[in-house]
């Protein structure tokens, strides 16, 4: 039985990886080299913020939350910790991105979007980690598949409305993460966690 449940999780992860590869093929087909450069800069800035500040914050938080998996969560302490981490991430985003913004190679809105995507990615990963640790591994892998499907669908939909391709790609990424966060909130609300 355990082998079968692990096989299902592995299968969903493989589907997620295959869809991510299809997503890369899709957007690299439609975007110019310059547009891909803008997208990759924004995503690199976003992932750098995650790697330098938010992933360590999540690791610390998950280690502390382990004792609360069967008890009521200390929401006030979690909010304070996350507010401090997100403030530091904002400072890092403005510092790293500000230098490029001053040169005129990227606009301020792109910096804000990079920070927003970093925060959204952090929240999704934190929710996934917590849910996985309390035994909801199927929901976690299902949401990975749904996220990439939403990114693909939203990207195509936004391009149909004549939005610039790079903005369609960036907005589809951000909106997919926000929808995923909303689904996690609905799940938590229903479970009274």
C-alpha atoms as a PDB file:
ATOM      1  CA  UNK A   1       0.000   0.000   0.000  1.00  0.00           C
ATOM      2  CA  UNK A   2       2.804   2.414   0.886  1.00  0.00           C
ATOM      3  CA  UNK A   3       4.547   1.681  -2.412  1.00  0.00           C
ATOM      4  CA  UNK A   4       1.345   2.453  -4.320  1.00  0.00           C
ATOM      5  CA  UNK A   5       0.801   5.770  -2.548  1.00  0.00           C
ATOM      6  CA  UNK A   6       4.428   6.772  -3.108  1.00  0.00           C
ATOM      7  CA  UNK A   7       4.122   5.755  -6.758  1.00  0.00           C
ATOM      8  CA  UNK A   8       1.143   8.100  -7.140  1.00  0.00           C
ATOM      9  CA  UNK A   9       3.113  10.986  -5.626  1.00  0.00           C
ATOM     10  CA  UNK A  10       6.074  10.255  -7.904  1.00  0.00           C
ATOM     11  CA  UNK A  11       3.733  10.041 -10.917  1.00  0.00           C
ATOM     12  CA  UNK A  12       2.187  13.435 -10.128  1.00  0.00           C
ATOM     13  CA  UNK A  13       5.648  14.952  -9.701  1.00  0.00           C
ATOM     14  CA  UNK A  14       6.719  13.534 -13.075  1.00  0.00           C
ATOM     15  CA  UNK A  15       3.575  14.966 -14.688  1.00  0.00           C
ATOM     16  CA  UNK A  16       4.400  18.331 -13.099  1.00  0.00           C
ATOM     17  CA  UNK A  17       7.945  18.199 -14.509  1.00  0.00           C
ATOM     18  CA  UNK A  18       6.685  17.249 -17.978  1.00  0.00           C
ATOM     19  CA  UNK A  19       4.183  20.116 -17.912  1.00  0.00           C
ATOM     20  CA  UNK A  20       6.907  22.538 -16.770  1.00  0.00           C
ATOM     21  CA  UNK A  21       8.997  21.490 -19.760  1.00  0.00           C
ATOM     22  CA  UNK A  22       6.016  22.009 -22.074  1.00  0.00           C
ATOM     23  CA  UNK A  23       5.454  25.429 -20.470  1.00  0.00           C
ATOM     24  CA  UNK A  24       9.074  26.416 -21.160  1.00  0.00           C
ATOM     25  CA  UNK A  25       8.696  25.274 -24.767  1.00  0.00           C
ATOM     26  CA  UNK A  26       5.459  27.252 -25.068  1.00  0.00           C
ATOM     27  CA  UNK A  27       6.734  30.573 -23.813  1.00  0.00           C
ATOM     28  CA  UNK A  28      10.156  30.296 -25.450  1.00  0.00           C
ATOM     29  CA  UNK A  29       8.346  29.799 -28.771  1.00  0.00           C
ATOM     30  CA  UNK A  30       6.374  33.033 -28.400  1.00  0.00           C
ATOM     31  CA  UNK A  31       8.868  35.379 -26.709  1.00  0.00           C
ATOM     32  CA  UNK A  32      11.761  37.134 -28.396  1.00  0.00           C
ATOM     33  CA  UNK A  33      15.270  36.848 -26.989  1.00  0.00           C
ATOM     34  CA  UNK A  34      14.950  40.336 -25.434  1.00  0.00           C
ATOM     35  CA  UNK A  35      11.602  39.430 -23.835  1.00  0.00           C
ATOM     36  CA  UNK A  36      13.048  36.199 -22.493  1.00  0.00           C
ATOM     37  CA  UNK A  37      15.894  38.248 -20.999  1.00  0.00           C
ATOM     38  CA  UNK A  38      13.450  40.517 -19.159  1.00  0.00           C
ATOM     39  CA  UNK A  39      11.485  37.522 -17.895  1.00  0.00           C
ATOM     40  CA  UNK A  40      14.589  35.667 -16.767  1.00  0.00           C
ATOM     41  CA  UNK A  41      15.952  38.737 -14.988  1.00  0.00           C
ATOM     42  CA  UNK A  42      12.703  39.190 -13.061  1.00  0.00           C
ATOM     43  CA  UNK A  43      12.535  35.487 -12.198  1.00  0.00           C
ATOM     44  CA  UNK A  44      16.238  35.400 -11.232  1.00  0.00           C
ATOM     45  CA  UNK A  45      15.752  38.358  -8.915  1.00  0.00           C
ATOM     46  CA  UNK A  46      12.661  36.708  -7.471  1.00  0.00           C
ATOM     47  CA  UNK A  47      14.383  33.359  -6.934  1.00  0.00           C
ATOM     48  CA  UNK A  48      17.470  35.070  -5.494  1.00  0.00           C
ATOM     49  CA  UNK A  49      15.292  36.721  -2.869  1.00  0.00           C
ATOM     50  CA  UNK A  50      13.801  33.311  -2.127  1.00  0.00           C
ATOM     51  CA  UNK A  51      17.147  31.526  -1.935  1.00  0.00           C
ATOM     52  CA  UNK A  52      18.867  34.156   0.206  1.00  0.00           C
ATOM     53  CA  UNK A  53      16.092  34.972   2.667  1.00  0.00           C
ATOM     54  CA  UNK A  54      12.797  33.194   2.270  1.00  0.00           C
ATOM     55  CA  UNK A  55      13.937  29.565   1.943  1.00  0.00           C
ATOM     56  CA  UNK A  56      15.979  29.793   5.174  1.00  0.00           C
ATOM     57  CA  UNK A  57      12.967  31.456   6.830  1.00  0.00           C
ATOM     58  CA  UNK A  58      10.748  28.603   5.652  1.00  0.00           C
ATOM     59  CA  UNK A  59      13.224  25.959   6.880  1.00  0.00           C
ATOM     60  CA  UNK A  60      13.357  27.635  10.288  1.00  0.00           C
ATOM     61  CA  UNK A  61       9.595  27.978  10.389  1.00  0.00           C
ATOM     62  CA  UNK A  62       8.967  24.339   9.374  1.00  0.00           C
ATOM     63  CA  UNK A  63      11.397  23.156  12.083  1.00  0.00           C
ATOM     64  CA  UNK A  64       9.543  25.204  14.709  1.00  0.00           C
ATOM     65  CA  UNK A  65       6.090  24.198  13.454  1.00  0.00           C
ATOM     66  CA  UNK A  66       6.687  20.484  13.885  1.00  0.00           C
ATOM     67  CA  UNK A  67       5.469  20.613  17.480  1.00  0.00           C
ATOM     68  CA  UNK A  68       2.238  22.296  16.327  1.00  0.00           C
ATOM     69  CA  UNK A  69       1.182  19.690  13.788  1.00  0.00           C
ATOM     70  CA  UNK A  70      -1.296  18.308  16.274  1.00  0.00           C
ATOM     71  CA  UNK A  71      -1.974  21.525  18.215  1.00  0.00           C
ATOM     72  CA  UNK A  72      -3.224  25.010  17.488  1.00  0.00           C
ATOM     73  CA  UNK A  73      -0.772  27.142  15.509  1.00  0.00           C
ATOM     74  CA  UNK A  74       0.697  30.274  17.167  1.00  0.00           C
ATOM     75  CA  UNK A  75      -0.567  32.605  14.438  1.00  0.00           C
ATOM     76  CA  UNK A  76       0.634  35.861  16.021  1.00  0.00           C
ATOM     77  CA  UNK A  77       4.221  34.596  16.318  1.00  0.00           C
ATOM     78  CA  UNK A  78       4.076  33.276  12.740  1.00  0.00           C
ATOM     79  CA  UNK A  79       2.814  36.618  11.446  1.00  0.00           C
ATOM     80  CA  UNK A  80       5.572  38.568  13.235  1.00  0.00           C
ATOM     81  CA  UNK A  81       8.278  36.197  11.985  1.00  0.00           C
ATOM     82  CA  UNK A  82       6.979  36.357   8.418  1.00  0.00           C
ATOM     83  CA  UNK A  83       6.563  40.144   8.488  1.00  0.00           C
ATOM     84  CA  UNK A  84      10.213  40.488   9.485  1.00  0.00           C
ATOM     85  CA  UNK A  85      11.353  38.048   6.795  1.00  0.00           C
ATOM     86  CA  UNK A  86       9.246  39.697   4.095  1.00  0.00           C
ATOM     87  CA  UNK A  87      10.530  43.147   5.084  1.00  0.00           C
ATOM     88  CA  UNK A  88      14.108  41.931   4.724  1.00  0.00           C
ATOM     89  CA  UNK A  89      13.181  40.396   1.365  1.00  0.00           C
ATOM     90  CA  UNK A  90      11.713  43.713   0.223  1.00  0.00           C
ATOM     91  CA  UNK A  91      14.928  45.507   1.188  1.00  0.00           C
ATOM     92  CA  UNK A  92      16.958  42.913  -0.733  1.00  0.00           C
ATOM     93  CA  UNK A  93      14.716  43.226  -3.800  1.00  0.00           C
ATOM     94  CA  UNK A  94      15.050  46.993  -3.847  1.00  0.00           C
ATOM     95  CA  UNK A  95      18.813  46.802  -3.292  1.00  0.00           C
ATOM     96  CA  UNK A  96      19.533  44.168  -5.944  1.00  0.00           C
ATOM     97  CA  UNK A  97      16.996  45.436  -8.430  1.00  0.00           C
ATOM     98  CA  UNK A  98      17.480  49.123  -7.685  1.00  0.00           C
ATOM     99  CA  UNK A  99      20.932  49.135  -9.244  1.00  0.00           C
ATOM    100  CA  UNK A 100      19.529  47.808 -12.501  1.00  0.00           C
ATOM    101  CA  UNK A 101      16.501  50.116 -12.312  1.00  0.00           C
ATOM    102  CA  UNK A 102      18.755  53.177 -11.972  1.00  0.00           C
ATOM    103  CA  UNK A 103      20.539  52.213 -15.201  1.00  0.00           C
ATOM    104  CA  UNK A 104      17.175  52.097 -16.982  1.00  0.00           C
ATOM    105  CA  UNK A 105      17.410  48.431 -17.951  1.00  0.00           C
ATOM    106  CA  UNK A 106      14.295  47.499 -15.989  1.00  0.00           C
ATOM    107  CA  UNK A 107      11.260  49.450 -14.841  1.00  0.00           C
ATOM    108  CA  UNK A 108      10.107  49.881 -11.248  1.00  0.00           C
ATOM    109  CA  UNK A 109       6.951  47.846 -11.857  1.00  0.00           C
ATOM    110  CA  UNK A 110       9.136  44.873 -12.787  1.00  0.00           C
ATOM    111  CA  UNK A 111      10.911  45.175  -9.421  1.00  0.00           C
ATOM    112  CA  UNK A 112       7.586  45.156  -7.618  1.00  0.00           C
ATOM    113  CA  UNK A 113       6.469  42.136  -9.647  1.00  0.00           C
ATOM    114  CA  UNK A 114       9.722  40.292  -8.845  1.00  0.00           C
ATOM    115  CA  UNK A 115       9.122  40.885  -5.126  1.00  0.00           C
ATOM    116  CA  UNK A 116       5.479  39.845  -5.456  1.00  0.00           C
ATOM    117  CA  UNK A 117       6.443  36.608  -7.224  1.00  0.00           C
ATOM    118  CA  UNK A 118       9.114  35.940  -4.585  1.00  0.00           C
ATOM    119  CA  UNK A 119       6.573  36.346  -1.782  1.00  0.00           C
ATOM    120  CA  UNK A 120       3.949  34.277  -3.607  1.00  0.00           C
ATOM    121  CA  UNK A 121       6.465  31.508  -4.302  1.00  0.00           C
ATOM    122  CA  UNK A 122       7.524  31.565  -0.647  1.00  0.00           C
ATOM    123  CA  UNK A 123       3.925  31.293   0.570  1.00  0.00           C
ATOM    124  CA  UNK A 124       3.150  28.431  -1.826  1.00  0.00           C
ATOM    125  CA  UNK A 125       6.284  26.556  -0.764  1.00  0.00           C
ATOM    126  CA  UNK A 126       5.583  27.173   2.933  1.00  0.00           C
ATOM    127  CA  UNK A 127       2.022  25.888   2.571  1.00  0.00           C
ATOM    128  CA  UNK A 128       3.208  22.894   0.561  1.00  0.00           C
ATOM    129  CA  UNK A 129       5.867  22.071   3.144  1.00  0.00           C
ATOM    130  CA  UNK A 130       3.452  22.319   6.039  1.00  0.00           C
ATOM    131  CA  UNK A 131       0.759  20.292   4.281  1.00  0.00           C
ATOM    132  CA  UNK A 132       3.243  17.641   3.215  1.00  0.00           C
ATOM    133  CA  UNK A 133       4.510  17.357   6.791  1.00  0.00           C
ATOM    134  CA  UNK A 134       1.012  16.818   8.193  1.00  0.00           C
ATOM    135  CA  UNK A 135       0.220  14.096   5.649  1.00  0.00           C
ATOM    136  CA  UNK A 136      -1.473  15.861   2.734  1.00  0.00           C
ATOM    137  CA  UNK A 137       1.055  14.808   0.101  1.00  0.00           C
ATOM    138  CA  UNK A 138      -1.602  14.203  -2.563  1.00  0.00           C
ATOM    139  CA  UNK A 139      -2.890  17.763  -2.278  1.00  0.00           C
ATOM    140  CA  UNK A 140       0.670  19.073  -2.521  1.00  0.00           C
ATOM    141  CA  UNK A 141       1.514  17.219  -5.743  1.00  0.00           C
ATOM    142  CA  UNK A 142      -1.910  17.963  -7.205  1.00  0.00           C
ATOM    143  CA  UNK A 143      -1.318  21.682  -6.630  1.00  0.00           C
ATOM    144  CA  UNK A 144       2.068  21.459  -8.369  1.00  0.00           C
ATOM    145  CA  UNK A 145       0.315  20.114 -11.471  1.00  0.00           C
ATOM    146  CA  UNK A 146      -2.490  22.662 -11.218  1.00  0.00           C
ATOM    147  CA  UNK A 147      -0.040  25.553 -10.878  1.00  0.00           C
ATOM    148  CA  UNK A 148       1.753  24.806 -14.140  1.00  0.00           C
ATOM    149  CA  UNK A 149      -1.548  24.173 -15.927  1.00  0.00           C
ATOM    150  CA  UNK A 150      -2.822  27.551 -14.711  1.00  0.00           C
ATOM    151  CA  UNK A 151       0.388  29.256 -15.851  1.00  0.00           C
ATOM    152  CA  UNK A 152       0.045  27.764 -19.334  1.00  0.00           C
ATOM    153  CA  UNK A 153      -3.651  28.516 -19.662  1.00  0.00           C
ATOM    154  CA  UNK A 154      -3.369  32.057 -18.354  1.00  0.00           C
ATOM    155  CA  UNK A 155      -0.375  32.783 -20.589  1.00  0.00           C
ATOM    156  CA  UNK A 156      -2.313  31.741 -23.700  1.00  0.00           C
ATOM    157  CA  UNK A 157      -5.439  33.594 -22.543  1.00  0.00           C
ATOM    158  CA  UNK A 158      -3.559  36.821 -21.821  1.00  0.00           C
ATOM    159  CA  UNK A 159      -1.800  36.711 -25.188  1.00  0.00           C
ATOM    160  CA  UNK A 160      -5.206  36.387 -26.851  1.00  0.00           C
ATOM    161  CA  UNK A 161      -6.123  39.736 -25.272  1.00  0.00           C
ATOM    162  CA  UNK A 162      -3.126  41.364 -27.015  1.00  0.00           C
ATOM    163  CA  UNK A 163      -1.139  41.809 -23.839  1.00  0.00           C
ATOM    164  CA  UNK A 164       2.578  41.934 -24.557  1.00  0.00           C
ATOM    165  CA  UNK A 165       4.012  38.445 -24.468  1.00  0.00           C
ATOM    166  CA  UNK A 166       6.486  39.133 -21.685  1.00  0.00           C
ATOM    167  CA  UNK A 167       3.800  40.775 -19.538  1.00  0.00           C
ATOM    168  CA  UNK A 168       1.445  37.886 -20.274  1.00  0.00           C
ATOM    169  CA  UNK A 169       4.102  35.460 -19.078  1.00  0.00           C
ATOM    170  CA  UNK A 170       4.915  37.408 -15.912  1.00  0.00           C
ATOM    171  CA  UNK A 171       1.282  38.060 -15.020  1.00  0.00           C
ATOM    172  CA  UNK A 172       0.299  34.432 -15.688  1.00  0.00           C
ATOM    173  CA  UNK A 173       3.016  33.292 -13.272  1.00  0.00           C
ATOM    174  CA  UNK A 174       1.901  35.715 -10.573  1.00  0.00           C
ATOM    175  CA  UNK A 175      -1.821  34.999 -10.977  1.00  0.00           C
ATOM    176  CA  UNK A 176      -1.288  31.218 -10.920  1.00  0.00           C
ATOM    177  CA  UNK A 177       0.585  31.562  -7.617  1.00  0.00           C
ATOM    178  CA  UNK A 178      -2.145  33.781  -6.150  1.00  0.00           C
ATOM    179  CA  UNK A 179      -4.827  31.268  -7.148  1.00  0.00           C
ATOM    180  CA  UNK A 180      -2.780  28.483  -5.576  1.00  0.00           C
ATOM    181  CA  UNK A 181      -2.414  30.489  -2.343  1.00  0.00           C
ATOM    182  CA  UNK A 182      -6.184  31.036  -2.375  1.00  0.00           C
ATOM    183  CA  UNK A 183      -6.750  27.285  -2.713  1.00  0.00           C
ATOM    184  CA  UNK A 184      -4.445  26.647   0.241  1.00  0.00           C
ATOM    185  CA  UNK A 185      -6.325  29.228   2.342  1.00  0.00           C
ATOM    186  CA  UNK A 186      -9.618  27.557   1.466  1.00  0.00           C
ATOM    187  CA  UNK A 187      -8.189  24.185   2.451  1.00  0.00           C
ATOM    188  CA  UNK A 188      -6.871  25.534   5.768  1.00  0.00           C
ATOM    189  CA  UNK A 189     -10.152  27.289   6.475  1.00  0.00           C
ATOM    190  CA  UNK A 190     -12.070  24.072   5.872  1.00  0.00           C
ATOM    191  CA  UNK A 191      -9.734  22.104   8.167  1.00  0.00           C
ATOM    192  CA  UNK A 192      -9.574  24.768  10.916  1.00  0.00           C
ATOM    193  CA  UNK A 193      -5.777  24.509  11.036  1.00  0.00           C
END
